[in-house]
Amino acid sequence: MNFLFVALGGFIGSIVRYSISIKFNKRLFATWIANVTGSMFLAFLFHLYINEAISDNVWLLFGVGFCGAYTTFSTFGNETLQLLMQHKYIAAIFYVFSSFSVSIGFVFTVFYLF
């Protein structure tokens, strides 16, 4: 049964992620948005989960399934490599730095606010 929760969450997360990439029509920005908001949502869910405010099934559905499919580290890596291959070094550094710092900043903020 656990696989079904993860699969359903992954199905929904991947569709939402794809919708964001279509809406923004810019791969870098869409990936950045997905990774930052996904990190925030995962931090919120994790906080609820470790405080036993949500069930294991809700964690599997949204924390593991949805967030796992919604956030896209492989796309982030690919886009960073493309920037480097295009000799856009400043853009690559900014992309990597802002992705990590903003995501981690939001994770800490969300986790410690609740």
Protein backbone atom coordinates (compact mmCIF):
# COMPACT_ATOMS: atom_id res chain seq x y z
CA MET A 1 0.00 0.00 0.00
CA ASN A 2 2.90 2.38 0.70
CA PHE A 3 3.96 2.18 -2.95
CA LEU A 4 0.53 3.42 -4.02
CA PHE A 5 0.80 6.53 -1.85
CA VAL A 6 4.27 7.30 -3.20
CA ALA A 7 3.17 6.60 -6.79
CA LEU A 8 0.06 8.79 -6.52
CA GLY A 9 2.05 11.62 -4.96
CA GLY A 10 4.72 11.28 -7.64
CA PHE A 11 2.08 11.36 -10.36
CA ILE A 12 0.61 14.59 -8.98
CA GLY A 13 4.02 16.16 -8.30
CA SER A 14 5.30 15.50 -11.79
CA ILE A 15 2.18 17.02 -13.37
CA VAL A 16 2.44 20.13 -11.19
CA ARG A 17 6.15 20.43 -12.05
CA TYR A 18 5.42 20.12 -15.76
CA SER A 19 2.65 22.73 -15.48
CA ILE A 20 5.09 25.19 -13.90
CA SER A 21 7.60 24.69 -16.71
CA ILE A 22 4.87 25.39 -19.28
CA LYS A 23 3.51 28.40 -17.40
CA PHE A 24 6.87 30.14 -17.05
CA ASN A 25 8.24 28.95 -20.40
CA LYS A 26 11.71 29.41 -18.95
CA ARG A 27 13.46 26.29 -17.80
CA LEU A 28 15.86 27.89 -15.36
CA PHE A 29 13.24 29.93 -13.58
CA ALA A 30 10.71 27.09 -13.52
CA THR A 31 13.27 24.71 -12.04
CA TRP A 32 14.28 27.32 -9.48
CA ILE A 33 10.64 27.89 -8.48
CA ALA A 34 9.96 24.15 -8.20
CA ASN A 35 13.07 23.49 -6.10
CA VAL A 36 12.54 26.44 -3.75
CA THR A 37 8.81 25.89 -3.19
CA GLY A 38 9.32 22.13 -2.99
CA SER A 39 11.98 22.60 -0.32
CA MET A 40 9.63 24.85 1.66
CA PHE A 41 6.75 22.39 1.38
CA LEU A 42 8.95 19.44 2.30
CA ALA A 43 10.29 21.28 5.38
CA PHE A 44 6.72 22.04 6.47
CA LEU A 45 5.65 18.43 5.95
CA PHE A 46 8.73 17.07 7.71
CA HIS A 47 8.08 19.28 10.70
CA LEU A 48 4.49 18.01 10.86
CA TYR A 49 5.63 14.43 10.40
CA ILE A 50 8.26 14.36 13.14
CA ASN A 51 5.75 15.99 15.51
CA GLU A 52 3.21 13.29 14.58
CA ALA A 53 0.75 15.84 13.19
CA ILE A 54 0.40 13.89 9.93
CA SER A 55 0.19 10.17 9.33
CA ASP A 56 2.75 7.96 7.64
CA ASN A 57 0.46 7.75 4.61
CA VAL A 58 0.24 11.54 4.27
CA TRP A 59 4.04 11.71 4.56
CA LEU A 60 4.45 9.07 1.86
CA LEU A 61 1.92 10.76 -0.43
CA PHE A 62 3.18 14.33 -0.16
CA GLY A 63 6.64 14.24 1.41
CA VAL A 64 8.09 11.29 -0.49
CA GLY A 65 5.91 11.06 -3.60
CA PHE A 66 4.84 14.61 -4.42
CA CYS A 67 8.00 16.43 -3.33
CA GLY A 68 10.22 13.75 -4.83
CA ALA A 69 8.67 14.21 -8.26
CA TYR A 70 8.05 17.96 -7.97
CA THR A 71 11.60 18.97 -7.14
CA THR A 72 14.13 18.35 -9.86
CA PHE A 73 17.76 18.05 -8.87
CA SER A 74 18.67 16.30 -12.12
CA THR A 75 17.23 19.17 -14.16
CA PHE A 76 19.06 21.64 -11.92
CA GLY A 77 22.34 19.83 -12.63
CA ASN A 78 21.70 19.69 -16.35
CA GLU A 79 20.80 23.36 -16.58
CA THR A 80 23.88 24.33 -14.59
CA LEU A 81 26.05 22.29 -16.96
CA GLN A 82 24.43 23.96 -19.97
CA LEU A 83 25.21 27.40 -18.55
CA LEU A 84 28.82 26.38 -18.01
CA MET A 85 29.13 24.95 -21.52
CA GLN A 86 27.78 28.25 -22.89
CA HIS A 87 30.48 30.06 -20.91
CA LYS A 88 27.85 31.82 -18.79
CA TYR A 89 29.89 31.39 -15.63
CA ILE A 90 28.36 34.24 -13.63
CA ALA A 91 24.85 33.01 -14.42
CA ALA A 92 25.82 29.45 -13.43
CA ILE A 93 27.31 30.61 -10.13
CA PHE A 94 24.28 32.77 -9.38
CA TYR A 95 21.91 29.93 -10.29
CA VAL A 96 23.68 27.42 -8.05
CA PHE A 97 24.18 29.84 -5.17
CA SER A 98 20.63 31.21 -5.23
CA SER A 99 19.09 27.75 -5.58
CA PHE A 100 20.90 26.41 -2.54
CA SER A 101 20.84 29.50 -0.36
CA VAL A 102 17.21 30.43 -0.95
CA SER A 103 16.01 26.82 -0.64
CA ILE A 104 17.95 26.18 2.55
CA GLY A 105 16.98 29.58 3.92
CA PHE A 106 13.31 28.82 3.38
CA VAL A 107 13.70 25.35 4.85
CA PHE A 108 15.13 26.78 8.07
CA THR A 109 12.51 29.53 8.17
CA VAL A 110 9.57 27.20 7.62
CA PHE A 111 10.92 24.51 9.93
CA TYR A 112 11.55 26.86 12.82
CA LEU A 113 8.41 28.98 12.38
CA PHE A 114 6.15 26.04 13.01
